[in-house]
Structures are given as C-alpha cells and as structure tokens.
Amino acid sequence: MAEAKGLSKPVKLKSELAALLGATELPRTEITKKLWDYVKCNKLQTKTENGKAENAGKYIVADAKLLSIFKNTKSTSKSGKLTDLTNMKEGETINMMQMAAVVGANIE
C-alpha cells in the first residue's frame, strides 16, 4: 500500500485541536471536515461578520472550544495576507476562507 502524501498524510495536532477532534494525528482534509462538522452541529455559522449564530453563512462564530484553537492563529499567506486571531473574543467570527490558516496554525 502506498504511503499517504500531501493533504492525505497524517499530521500531529496541537493539544487544543487534538482535544476538540479526539485524535492526535489526522490528515489535513480530515481535520477540516471534522471542524466543519463541529461548526454545523453546533450551529456556529452566520451570514454577517460578528453576527449572531444562525447556522448558515460564510462566517464562523467562535464558541469557547473554537476560540482556544482560533487564538493560536497568526500566519501570513503566500500572497502576504496576515491572519492574526490571537486577540479574538468569544462570539466574534472568522471568514470561512481563514479555516486553512487555522488548521495550519494548529498542527506541528
């Protein structure tokens, strides 16, 4: 059987993310899927930035569990865009396009 590579290769999760997802290693694709499952199950989406959770939309509302993961995020994309969530508060939102930065900041 061929060794998993790229996005399919398991990566080690930092402690906060491991606690939320119940695993210490997962492929990036599975991390993203499980995070979205958590967001949808807990109705943490909204259509407006920093809006009230309404279970639909492109913004993700930070609850206490997601906040511990989001606050680990401070990275610069290849295009030079800074994603700094270190001062985020519960109830604030991130754009769903920032999920890749969150995942990247929470793996070793």
PDB file of N, CA and C in Angstrom:
ATOM      1  N   MET A   1       0.845  -1.182   0.000  1.00  0.00           N
ATOM      2  CA  MET A   1       0.000   0.000   0.000  1.00  0.00           C
ATOM      3  C   MET A   1       0.894   1.251   0.000  1.00  0.00           C
ATOM      4  N   ALA A   2       0.550   2.215  -0.804  1.00  0.00           N
ATOM      5  CA  ALA A   2       1.355   3.438  -0.946  1.00  0.00           C
ATOM      6  C   ALA A   2       1.216   4.314   0.291  1.00  0.00           C
ATOM      7  N   GLU A   3       2.300   5.005   0.630  1.00  0.00           N
ATOM      8  CA  GLU A   3       2.297   5.926   1.762  1.00  0.00           C
ATOM      9  C   GLU A   3       1.507   7.180   1.405  1.00  0.00           C
ATOM     10  N   ALA A   4       0.698   7.662   2.358  1.00  0.00           N
ATOM     11  CA  ALA A   4      -0.082   8.874   2.133  1.00  0.00           C
ATOM     12  C   ALA A   4       0.859  10.074   2.010  1.00  0.00           C
ATOM     13  N   LYS A   5       0.515  10.971   1.082  1.00  0.00           N
ATOM     14  CA  LYS A   5       1.330  12.164   0.853  1.00  0.00           C
ATOM     15  C   LYS A   5       0.436  13.393   0.786  1.00  0.00           C
ATOM     16  N   GLY A   6       1.067  14.559   0.859  1.00  0.00           N
ATOM     17  CA  GLY A   6       0.338  15.824   0.709  1.00  0.00           C
ATOM     18  C   GLY A   6      -0.752  15.992   1.750  1.00  0.00           C
ATOM     19  N   LEU A   7      -1.941  16.375   1.307  1.00  0.00           N
ATOM     20  CA  LEU A   7      -3.059  16.633   2.211  1.00  0.00           C
ATOM     21  C   LEU A   7      -3.588  15.366   2.867  1.00  0.00           C
ATOM     22  N   SER A   8      -3.259  14.204   2.303  1.00  0.00           N
ATOM     23  CA  SER A   8      -3.729  12.929   2.847  1.00  0.00           C
ATOM     24  C   SER A   8      -2.802  12.355   3.906  1.00  0.00           C
ATOM     25  N   LYS A   9      -1.629  12.958   4.070  1.00  0.00           N
ATOM     26  CA  LYS A   9      -0.662  12.464   5.042  1.00  0.00           C
ATOM     27  C   LYS A   9      -1.059  12.939   6.447  1.00  0.00           C
ATOM     28  N   PRO A  10      -1.156  12.030   7.417  1.00  0.00           N
ATOM     29  CA  PRO A  10      -1.495  12.441   8.780  1.00  0.00           C
ATOM     30  C   PRO A  10      -0.450  13.396   9.357  1.00  0.00           C
ATOM     31  N   VAL A  11      -0.928  14.402  10.087  1.00  0.00           N
ATOM     32  CA  VAL A  11      -0.064  15.368  10.756  1.00  0.00           C
ATOM     33  C   VAL A  11      -0.399  15.371  12.245  1.00  0.00           C
ATOM     34  N   LYS A  12       0.553  15.775  13.073  1.00  0.00           N
ATOM     35  CA  LYS A  12       0.361  15.816  14.519  1.00  0.00           C
ATOM     36  C   LYS A  12      -0.392  17.090  14.893  1.00  0.00           C
ATOM     37  N   LEU A  13      -1.434  16.949  15.709  1.00  0.00           N
ATOM     38  CA  LEU A  13      -2.261  18.077  16.121  1.00  0.00           C
ATOM     39  C   LEU A  13      -1.756  18.679  17.429  1.00  0.00           C
ATOM     40  N   LYS A  14      -1.835  19.992  17.561  1.00  0.00           N
ATOM     41  CA  LYS A  14      -1.532  20.642  18.833  1.00  0.00           C
ATOM     42  C   LYS A  14      -2.628  20.266  19.833  1.00  0.00           C
ATOM     43  N   SER A  15      -2.345  20.405  21.107  1.00  0.00           N
ATOM     44  CA  SER A  15      -3.204  19.882  22.164  1.00  0.00           C
ATOM     45  C   SER A  15      -4.667  20.364  22.119  1.00  0.00           C
ATOM     46  N   GLU A  16      -4.913  21.650  21.875  1.00  0.00           N
ATOM     47  CA  GLU A  16      -6.290  22.161  21.860  1.00  0.00           C
ATOM     48  C   GLU A  16      -7.108  21.531  20.737  1.00  0.00           C
ATOM     49  N   LEU A  17      -6.502  21.436  19.553  1.00  0.00           N
ATOM     50  CA  LEU A  17      -7.200  20.845  18.415  1.00  0.00           C
ATOM     51  C   LEU A  17      -7.391  19.347  18.630  1.00  0.00           C
ATOM     52  N   ALA A  18      -6.384  18.682  19.170  1.00  0.00           N
ATOM     53  CA  ALA A  18      -6.486  17.245  19.449  1.00  0.00           C
ATOM     54  C   ALA A  18      -7.626  16.973  20.429  1.00  0.00           C
ATOM     55  N   ALA A  19      -7.771  17.816  21.441  1.00  0.00           N
ATOM     56  CA  ALA A  19      -8.845  17.649  22.422  1.00  0.00           C
ATOM     57  C   ALA A  19     -10.220  17.809  21.771  1.00  0.00           C
ATOM     58  N   LEU A  20     -10.365  18.783  20.892  1.00  0.00           N
ATOM     59  CA  LEU A  20     -11.648  19.017  20.226  1.00  0.00           C
ATOM     60  C   LEU A  20     -12.009  17.881  19.273  1.00  0.00           C
ATOM     61  N   LEU A  21     -11.014  17.408  18.515  1.00  0.00           N
ATOM     62  CA  LEU A  21     -11.283  16.402  17.487  1.00  0.00           C
ATOM     63  C   LEU A  21     -11.148  14.964  17.981  1.00  0.00           C
ATOM     64  N   GLY A  22     -10.574  14.780  19.157  1.00  0.00           N
ATOM     65  CA  GLY A  22     -10.458  13.439  19.719  1.00  0.00           C
ATOM     66  C   GLY A  22      -9.419  12.572  19.037  1.00  0.00           C
ATOM     67  N   ALA A  23      -8.372  13.179  18.496  1.00  0.00           N
ATOM     68  CA  ALA A  23      -7.298  12.439  17.829  1.00  0.00           C
ATOM     69  C   ALA A  23      -6.016  13.245  17.931  1.00  0.00           C
ATOM     70  N   THR A  24      -4.874  12.546  17.920  1.00  0.00           N
ATOM     71  CA  THR A  24      -3.598  13.255  17.983  1.00  0.00           C
ATOM     72  C   THR A  24      -2.973  13.440  16.608  1.00  0.00           C
ATOM     73  N   GLU A  25      -3.392  12.627  15.629  1.00  0.00           N
ATOM     74  CA  GLU A  25      -2.904  12.744  14.253  1.00  0.00           C
ATOM     75  C   GLU A  25      -4.058  12.516  13.284  1.00  0.00           C
ATOM     76  N   LEU A  26      -4.142  13.373  12.279  1.00  0.00           N
ATOM     77  CA  LEU A  26      -5.156  13.259  11.224  1.00  0.00           C
ATOM     78  C   LEU A  26      -4.614  13.917   9.959  1.00  0.00           C
ATOM     79  N   PRO A  27      -5.099  13.493   8.782  1.00  0.00           N
ATOM     80  CA  PRO A  27      -4.764  14.226   7.559  1.00  0.00           C
ATOM     81  C   PRO A  27      -5.450  15.600   7.582  1.00  0.00           C
ATOM     82  N   ARG A  28      -4.862  16.575   6.906  1.00  0.00           N
ATOM     83  CA  ARG A  28      -5.446  17.933   6.870  1.00  0.00           C
ATOM     84  C   ARG A  28      -6.888  17.910   6.363  1.00  0.00           C
ATOM     85  N   THR A  29      -7.168  17.071   5.387  1.00  0.00           N
ATOM     86  CA  THR A  29      -8.532  17.001   4.850  1.00  0.00           C
ATOM     87  C   THR A  29      -9.522  16.570   5.924  1.00  0.00           C
ATOM     88  N   GLU A  30      -9.121  15.629   6.760  1.00  0.00           N
ATOM     89  CA  GLU A  30      -9.991  15.135   7.826  1.00  0.00           C
ATOM     90  C   GLU A  30     -10.133  16.176   8.940  1.00  0.00           C
ATOM     91  N   ILE A  31      -9.073  16.924   9.219  1.00  0.00           N
ATOM     92  CA  ILE A  31      -9.133  17.994  10.225  1.00  0.00           C
ATOM     93  C   ILE A  31     -10.192  19.011   9.811  1.00  0.00           C
ATOM     94  N   THR A  32     -10.109  19.465   8.561  1.00  0.00           N
ATOM     95  CA  THR A  32     -11.056  20.461   8.057  1.00  0.00           C
ATOM     96  C   THR A  32     -12.483  19.918   8.096  1.00  0.00           C
ATOM     97  N   LYS A  33     -12.668  18.672   7.680  1.00  0.00           N
ATOM     98  CA  LYS A  33     -14.003  18.056   7.685  1.00  0.00           C
ATOM     99  C   LYS A  33     -14.567  17.998   9.100  1.00  0.00           C
ATOM    100  N   LYS A  34     -13.756  17.568  10.052  1.00  0.00           N
ATOM    101  CA  LYS A  34     -14.229  17.457  11.436  1.00  0.00           C
ATOM    102  C   LYS A  34     -14.522  18.832  12.041  1.00  0.00           C
ATOM    103  N   LEU A  35     -13.724  19.831  11.710  1.00  0.00           N
ATOM    104  CA  LEU A  35     -14.011  21.184  12.188  1.00  0.00           C
ATOM    105  C   LEU A  35     -15.343  21.675  11.639  1.00  0.00           C
ATOM    106  N   TRP A  36     -15.593  21.452  10.344  1.00  0.00           N
ATOM    107  CA  TRP A  36     -16.866  21.862   9.744  1.00  0.00           C
ATOM    108  C   TRP A  36     -18.022  21.091  10.355  1.00  0.00           C
ATOM    109  N   ASP A  37     -17.827  19.799  10.634  1.00  0.00           N
ATOM    110  CA  ASP A  37     -18.877  19.018  11.302  1.00  0.00           C
ATOM    111  C   ASP A  37     -19.222  19.639  12.651  1.00  0.00           C
ATOM    112  N   TYR A  38     -18.187  20.057  13.400  1.00  0.00           N
ATOM    113  CA  TYR A  38     -18.399  20.686  14.702  1.00  0.00           C
ATOM    114  C   TYR A  38     -19.166  22.004  14.539  1.00  0.00           C
ATOM    115  N   VAL A  39     -18.745  22.824  13.588  1.00  0.00           N
ATOM    116  CA  VAL A  39     -19.399  24.118  13.349  1.00  0.00           C
ATOM    117  C   VAL A  39     -20.865  23.915  13.003  1.00  0.00           C
ATOM    118  N   LYS A  40     -21.156  22.996  12.101  1.00  0.00           N
ATOM    119  CA  LYS A  40     -22.538  22.767  11.670  1.00  0.00           C
ATOM    120  C   LYS A  40     -23.382  22.157  12.778  1.00  0.00           C
ATOM    121  N   CYS A  41     -22.824  21.185  13.495  1.00  0.00           N
ATOM    122  CA  CYS A  41     -23.548  20.517  14.578  1.00  0.00           C
ATOM    123  C   CYS A  41     -23.929  21.503  15.685  1.00  0.00           C
ATOM    124  N   ASN A  42     -23.062  22.470  15.938  1.00  0.00           N
ATOM    125  CA  ASN A  42     -23.295  23.452  16.996  1.00  0.00           C
ATOM    126  C   ASN A  42     -23.893  24.763  16.482  1.00  0.00           C
ATOM    127  N   LYS A  43     -24.275  24.775  15.212  1.00  0.00           N
ATOM    128  CA  LYS A  43     -24.934  25.933  14.584  1.00  0.00           C
ATOM    129  C   LYS A  43     -24.139  27.212  14.779  1.00  0.00           C
ATOM    130  N   LEU A  44     -22.863  27.162  14.380  1.00  0.00           N
ATOM    131  CA  LEU A  44     -21.948  28.283  14.594  1.00  0.00           C
ATOM    132  C   LEU A  44     -21.618  29.041  13.309  1.00  0.00           C
ATOM    133  N   GLN A  45     -22.570  29.114  12.391  1.00  0.00           N
ATOM    134  CA  GLN A  45     -22.378  29.897  11.170  1.00  0.00           C
ATOM    135  C   GLN A  45     -23.315  31.097  11.186  1.00  0.00           C
ATOM    136  N   THR A  46     -22.880  32.167  10.519  1.00  0.00           N
ATOM    137  CA  THR A  46     -23.710  33.358  10.395  1.00  0.00           C
ATOM    138  C   THR A  46     -23.448  34.004   9.044  1.00  0.00           C
ATOM    139  N   LYS A  47     -24.396  34.774   8.572  1.00  0.00           N
ATOM    140  CA  LYS A  47     -24.274  35.425   7.264  1.00  0.00           C
ATOM    141  C   LYS A  47     -23.572  36.768   7.347  1.00  0.00           C
ATOM    142  N   THR A  48     -23.416  37.314   8.560  1.00  0.00           N
ATOM    143  CA  THR A  48     -22.805  38.625   8.715  1.00  0.00           C
ATOM    144  C   THR A  48     -21.606  38.557   9.658  1.00  0.00           C
ATOM    145  N   GLU A  49     -20.615  39.397   9.390  1.00  0.00           N
ATOM    146  CA  GLU A  49     -19.436  39.436  10.236  1.00  0.00           C
ATOM    147  C   GLU A  49     -19.836  39.815  11.663  1.00  0.00           C
ATOM    148  N   ASN A  50     -19.378  39.020  12.631  1.00  0.00           N
ATOM    149  CA  ASN A  50     -19.695  39.185  14.047  1.00  0.00           C
ATOM    150  C   ASN A  50     -21.193  39.172  14.326  1.00  0.00           C
ATOM    151  N   GLY A  51     -21.952  38.491  13.446  1.00  0.00           N
ATOM    152  CA  GLY A  51     -23.390  38.356  13.641  1.00  0.00           C
ATOM    153  C   GLY A  51     -23.728  37.215  14.581  1.00  0.00           C
ATOM    154  N   LYS A  52     -24.999  37.106  14.917  1.00  0.00           N
ATOM    155  CA  LYS A  52     -25.486  36.055  15.789  1.00  0.00           C
ATOM    156  C   LYS A  52     -25.494  34.731  15.019  1.00  0.00           C
ATOM    157  N   ALA A  53     -25.117  33.643  15.677  1.00  0.00           N
ATOM    158  CA  ALA A  53     -25.103  32.329  15.039  1.00  0.00           C
ATOM    159  C   ALA A  53     -26.502  31.985  14.528  1.00  0.00           C
ATOM    160  N   GLU A  54     -26.574  31.579  13.250  1.00  0.00           N
ATOM    161  CA  GLU A  54     -27.874  31.258  12.651  1.00  0.00           C
ATOM    162  C   GLU A  54     -27.808  29.997  11.787  1.00  0.00           C
ATOM    163  N   ASN A  55     -26.699  29.275  11.864  1.00  0.00           N
ATOM    164  CA  ASN A  55     -26.497  28.009  11.167  1.00  0.00           C
ATOM    165  C   ASN A  55     -26.507  28.121   9.650  1.00  0.00           C
ATOM    166  N   ALA A  56     -26.101  29.233   9.113  1.00  0.00           N
ATOM    167  CA  ALA A  56     -25.949  29.393   7.673  1.00  0.00           C
ATOM    168  C   ALA A  56     -25.062  30.604   7.425  1.00  0.00           C
ATOM    169  N   GLY A  57     -24.299  30.565   6.346  1.00  0.00           N
ATOM    170  CA  GLY A  57     -23.489  31.711   6.007  1.00  0.00           C
ATOM    171  C   GLY A  57     -22.015  31.395   5.953  1.00  0.00           C
ATOM    172  N   LYS A  58     -21.226  32.408   5.568  1.00  0.00           N
ATOM    173  CA  LYS A  58     -19.800  32.182   5.343  1.00  0.00           C
ATOM    174  C   LYS A  58     -18.927  32.553   6.527  1.00  0.00           C
ATOM    175  N   TYR A  59     -19.503  32.995   7.627  1.00  0.00           N
ATOM    176  CA  TYR A  59     -18.735  33.333   8.820  1.00  0.00           C
ATOM    177  C   TYR A  59     -18.926  32.268   9.890  1.00  0.00           C
ATOM    178  N   ILE A  60     -17.855  31.992  10.636  1.00  0.00           N
ATOM    179  CA  ILE A  60     -17.882  31.002  11.706  1.00  0.00           C
ATOM    180  C   ILE A  60     -17.781  31.750  13.029  1.00  0.00           C
ATOM    181  N   VAL A  61     -18.742  31.494  13.911  1.00  0.00           N
ATOM    182  CA  VAL A  61     -18.796  32.143  15.211  1.00  0.00           C
ATOM    183  C   VAL A  61     -17.962  31.326  16.201  1.00  0.00           C
ATOM    184  N   ALA A  62     -17.060  31.992  16.907  1.00  0.00           N
ATOM    185  CA  ALA A  62     -16.194  31.315  17.871  1.00  0.00           C
ATOM    186  C   ALA A  62     -16.935  31.061  19.184  1.00  0.00           C
ATOM    187  N   ASP A  63     -17.088  29.775  19.528  1.00  0.00           N
ATOM    188  CA  ASP A  63     -17.547  29.443  20.867  1.00  0.00           C
ATOM    189  C   ASP A  63     -16.293  29.192  21.704  1.00  0.00           C
ATOM    190  N   ALA A  64     -16.433  28.800  22.954  1.00  0.00           N
ATOM    191  CA  ALA A  64     -15.271  28.640  23.845  1.00  0.00           C
ATOM    192  C   ALA A  64     -14.274  27.618  23.305  1.00  0.00           C
ATOM    193  N   LYS A  65     -14.764  26.505  22.752  1.00  0.00           N
ATOM    194  CA  LYS A  65     -13.862  25.462  22.240  1.00  0.00           C
ATOM    195  C   LYS A  65     -13.117  25.924  20.991  1.00  0.00           C
ATOM    196  N   LEU A  66     -13.815  26.549  20.056  1.00  0.00           N
ATOM    197  CA  LEU A  66     -13.155  27.038  18.837  1.00  0.00           C
ATOM    198  C   LEU A  66     -12.214  28.188  19.150  1.00  0.00           C
ATOM    199  N   LEU A  67     -12.574  29.011  20.125  1.00  0.00           N
ATOM    200  CA  LEU A  67     -11.740  30.155  20.471  1.00  0.00           C
ATOM    201  C   LEU A  67     -10.333  29.714  20.879  1.00  0.00           C
ATOM    202  N   SER A  68     -10.221  28.622  21.632  1.00  0.00           N
ATOM    203  CA  SER A  68      -8.902  28.151  22.058  1.00  0.00           C
ATOM    204  C   SER A  68      -8.051  27.736  20.857  1.00  0.00           C
ATOM    205  N   ILE A  69      -8.689  27.305  19.796  1.00  0.00           N
ATOM    206  CA  ILE A  69      -7.980  26.918  18.563  1.00  0.00           C
ATOM    207  C   ILE A  69      -7.691  28.157  17.713  1.00  0.00           C
ATOM    208  N   PHE A  70      -8.685  29.006  17.538  1.00  0.00           N
ATOM    209  CA  PHE A  70      -8.521  30.203  16.714  1.00  0.00           C
ATOM    210  C   PHE A  70      -7.413  31.108  17.261  1.00  0.00           C
ATOM    211  N   LYS A  71      -7.296  31.222  18.592  1.00  0.00           N
ATOM    212  CA  LYS A  71      -6.319  32.135  19.202  1.00  0.00           C
ATOM    213  C   LYS A  71      -4.876  31.704  18.951  1.00  0.00           C
ATOM    214  N   ASN A  72      -4.650  30.485  18.475  1.00  0.00           N
ATOM    215  CA  ASN A  72      -3.300  30.020  18.118  1.00  0.00           C
ATOM    216  C   ASN A  72      -2.870  30.535  16.750  1.00  0.00           C
ATOM    217  N   THR A  73      -3.759  31.191  16.035  1.00  0.00           N
ATOM    218  CA  THR A  73      -3.535  31.532  14.640  1.00  0.00           C
ATOM    219  C   THR A  73      -2.939  32.919  14.443  1.00  0.00           C
ATOM    220  N   LYS A  74      -1.719  32.924  13.932  1.00  0.00           N
ATOM    221  CA  LYS A  74      -1.071  34.158  13.481  1.00  0.00           C
ATOM    222  C   LYS A  74      -0.130  33.727  12.367  1.00  0.00           C
ATOM    223  N   SER A  75      -0.565  33.930  11.137  1.00  0.00           N
ATOM    224  CA  SER A  75       0.242  33.484  10.000  1.00  0.00           C
ATOM    225  C   SER A  75       0.064  34.427   8.817  1.00  0.00           C
ATOM    226  N   THR A  76       1.030  34.369   7.924  1.00  0.00           N
ATOM    227  CA  THR A  76       0.993  35.157   6.703  1.00  0.00           C
ATOM    228  C   THR A  76       0.911  34.198   5.522  1.00  0.00           C
ATOM    229  N   SER A  77      -0.056  34.420   4.645  1.00  0.00           N
ATOM    230  CA  SER A  77      -0.216  33.555   3.475  1.00  0.00           C
ATOM    231  C   SER A  77       0.868  33.858   2.441  1.00  0.00           C
ATOM    232  N   LYS A  78       0.944  33.008   1.432  1.00  0.00           N
ATOM    233  CA  LYS A  78       1.916  33.222   0.350  1.00  0.00           C
ATOM    234  C   LYS A  78       1.684  34.544  -0.368  1.00  0.00           C
ATOM    235  N   SER A  79       0.429  35.007  -0.367  1.00  0.00           N
ATOM    236  CA  SER A  79       0.116  36.280  -1.020  1.00  0.00           C
ATOM    237  C   SER A  79       0.411  37.478  -0.110  1.00  0.00           C
ATOM    238  N   GLY A  80       0.831  37.203   1.142  1.00  0.00           N
ATOM    239  CA  GLY A  80       1.188  38.273   2.057  1.00  0.00           C
ATOM    240  C   GLY A  80       0.082  38.711   2.996  1.00  0.00           C
ATOM    241  N   LYS A  81      -1.076  38.048   2.962  1.00  0.00           N
ATOM    242  CA  LYS A  81      -2.193  38.420   3.830  1.00  0.00           C
ATOM    243  C   LYS A  81      -1.975  37.854   5.230  1.00  0.00           C
ATOM    244  N   LEU A  82      -2.040  38.716   6.239  1.00  0.00           N
ATOM    245  CA  LEU A  82      -1.853  38.320   7.629  1.00  0.00           C
ATOM    246  C   LEU A  82      -3.179  37.869   8.227  1.00  0.00           C
ATOM    247  N   THR A  83      -3.177  36.720   8.874  1.00  0.00           N
ATOM    248  CA  THR A  83      -4.323  36.244   9.638  1.00  0.00           C
ATOM    249  C   THR A  83      -3.874  36.184  11.092  1.00  0.00           C
ATOM    250  N   ASP A  84      -4.331  37.135  11.895  1.00  0.00           N
ATOM    251  CA  ASP A  84      -3.965  37.207  13.300  1.00  0.00           C
ATOM    252  C   ASP A  84      -5.236  37.145  14.144  1.00  0.00           C
ATOM    253  N   LEU A  85      -5.460  35.997  14.774  1.00  0.00           N
ATOM    254  CA  LEU A  85      -6.654  35.799  15.591  1.00  0.00           C
ATOM    255  C   LEU A  85      -6.310  35.734  17.078  1.00  0.00           C
ATOM    256  N   THR A  86      -5.094  36.132  17.443  1.00  0.00           N
ATOM    257  CA  THR A  86      -4.621  35.981  18.820  1.00  0.00           C
ATOM    258  C   THR A  86      -5.418  36.797  19.839  1.00  0.00           C
ATOM    259  N   ASN A  87      -6.070  37.870  19.411  1.00  0.00           N
ATOM    260  CA  ASN A  87      -6.850  38.699  20.338  1.00  0.00           C
ATOM    261  C   ASN A  87      -8.358  38.508  20.182  1.00  0.00           C
ATOM    262  N   MET A  88      -8.749  37.443  19.521  1.00  0.00           N
ATOM    263  CA  MET A  88     -10.157  37.180  19.258  1.00  0.00           C
ATOM    264  C   MET A  88     -10.914  36.903  20.561  1.00  0.00           C
ATOM    265  N   LYS A  89     -12.199  37.236  20.566  1.00  0.00           N
ATOM    266  CA  LYS A  89     -13.048  37.002  21.732  1.00  0.00           C
ATOM    267  C   LYS A  89     -14.204  36.080  21.345  1.00  0.00           C
ATOM    268  N   GLU A  90     -14.736  35.399  22.338  1.00  0.00           N
ATOM    269  CA  GLU A  90     -15.867  34.505  22.107  1.00  0.00           C
ATOM    270  C   GLU A  90     -17.026  35.294  21.499  1.00  0.00           C
ATOM    271  N   GLY A  91     -17.666  34.716  20.496  1.00  0.00           N
ATOM    272  CA  GLY A  91     -18.778  35.376  19.816  1.00  0.00           C
ATOM    273  C   GLY A  91     -18.361  36.116  18.558  1.00  0.00           C
ATOM    274  N   GLU A  92     -17.063  36.402  18.401  1.00  0.00           N
ATOM    275  CA  GLU A  92     -16.576  37.031  17.172  1.00  0.00           C
ATOM    276  C   GLU A  92     -16.478  35.971  16.083  1.00  0.00           C
ATOM    277  N   THR A  93     -16.311  36.414  14.840  1.00  0.00           N
ATOM    278  CA  THR A  93     -16.338  35.487  13.708  1.00  0.00           C
ATOM    279  C   THR A  93     -15.045  35.511  12.899  1.00  0.00           C
ATOM    280  N   ILE A  94     -14.854  34.417  12.153  1.00  0.00           N
ATOM    281  CA  ILE A  94     -13.832  34.390  11.113  1.00  0.00           C
ATOM    282  C   ILE A  94     -14.536  34.068   9.806  1.00  0.00           C
ATOM    283  N   ASN A  95     -13.948  34.492   8.713  1.00  0.00           N
ATOM    284  CA  ASN A  95     -14.444  34.148   7.390  1.00  0.00           C
ATOM    285  C   ASN A  95     -14.053  32.697   7.132  1.00  0.00           C
ATOM    286  N   MET A  96     -14.918  31.929   6.500  1.00  0.00           N
ATOM    287  CA  MET A  96     -14.619  30.514   6.279  1.00  0.00           C
ATOM    288  C   MET A  96     -13.333  30.306   5.483  1.00  0.00           C
ATOM    289  N   MET A  97     -12.907  31.295   4.734  1.00  0.00           N
ATOM    290  CA  MET A  97     -11.669  31.178   3.965  1.00  0.00           C
ATOM    291  C   MET A  97     -10.438  31.206   4.875  1.00  0.00           C
ATOM    292  N   GLN A  98     -10.600  31.600   6.127  1.00  0.00           N
ATOM    293  CA  GLN A  98      -9.497  31.620   7.082  1.00  0.00           C
ATOM    294  C   GLN A  98      -9.269  30.255   7.736  1.00  0.00           C
ATOM    295  N   MET A  99     -10.125  29.287   7.439  1.00  0.00           N
ATOM    296  CA  MET A  99     -10.024  27.970   8.065  1.00  0.00           C
ATOM    297  C   MET A  99      -8.685  27.299   7.753  1.00  0.00           C
ATOM    298  N   ALA A 100      -8.150  27.486   6.563  1.00  0.00           N
ATOM    299  CA  ALA A 100      -6.855  26.886   6.213  1.00  0.00           C
ATOM    300  C   ALA A 100      -5.752  27.426   7.114  1.00  0.00           C
ATOM    301  N   ALA A 101      -5.788  28.718   7.417  1.00  0.00           N
ATOM    302  CA  ALA A 101      -4.793  29.312   8.313  1.00  0.00           C
ATOM    303  C   ALA A 101      -4.943  28.757   9.720  1.00  0.00           C
ATOM    304  N   VAL A 102      -6.173  28.553  10.159  1.00  0.00           N
ATOM    305  CA  VAL A 102      -6.428  27.987  11.487  1.00  0.00           C
ATOM    306  C   VAL A 102      -5.869  26.573  11.572  1.00  0.00           C
ATOM    307  N   VAL A 103      -6.149  25.755  10.561  1.00  0.00           N
ATOM    308  CA  VAL A 103      -5.639  24.381  10.546  1.00  0.00           C
ATOM    309  C   VAL A 103      -4.107  24.403  10.548  1.00  0.00           C
ATOM    310  N   GLY A 104      -3.516  25.211   9.695  1.00  0.00           N
ATOM    311  CA  GLY A 104      -2.051  25.294   9.605  1.00  0.00           C
ATOM    312  C   GLY A 104      -1.402  25.717  10.906  1.00  0.00           C
ATOM    313  N   ALA A 105      -2.060  26.590  11.662  1.00  0.00           N
ATOM    314  CA  ALA A 105      -1.505  27.087  12.920  1.00  0.00           C
ATOM    315  C   ALA A 105      -1.655  26.093  14.062  1.00  0.00           C
ATOM    316  N   ASN A 106      -2.483  25.061  13.870  1.00  0.00           N
ATOM    317  CA  ASN A 106      -2.764  24.122  14.941  1.00  0.00           C
ATOM    318  C   ASN A 106      -2.218  22.721  14.699  1.00  0.00           C
ATOM    319  N   ILE A 107      -1.256  22.616  13.798  1.00  0.00           N
ATOM    320  CA  ILE A 107      -0.577  21.343  13.579  1.00  0.00           C
ATOM    321  C   ILE A 107       0.920  21.550  13.791  1.00  0.00           C
ATOM    322  N   GLU A 108       1.607  20.450  14.082  1.00  0.00           N
ATOM    323  CA  GLU A 108       3.054  20.549  14.318  1.00  0.00           C
ATOM    324  C   GLU A 108       3.823  20.001  13.133  1.00  0.00           C
TER     325      GLU A 108
END
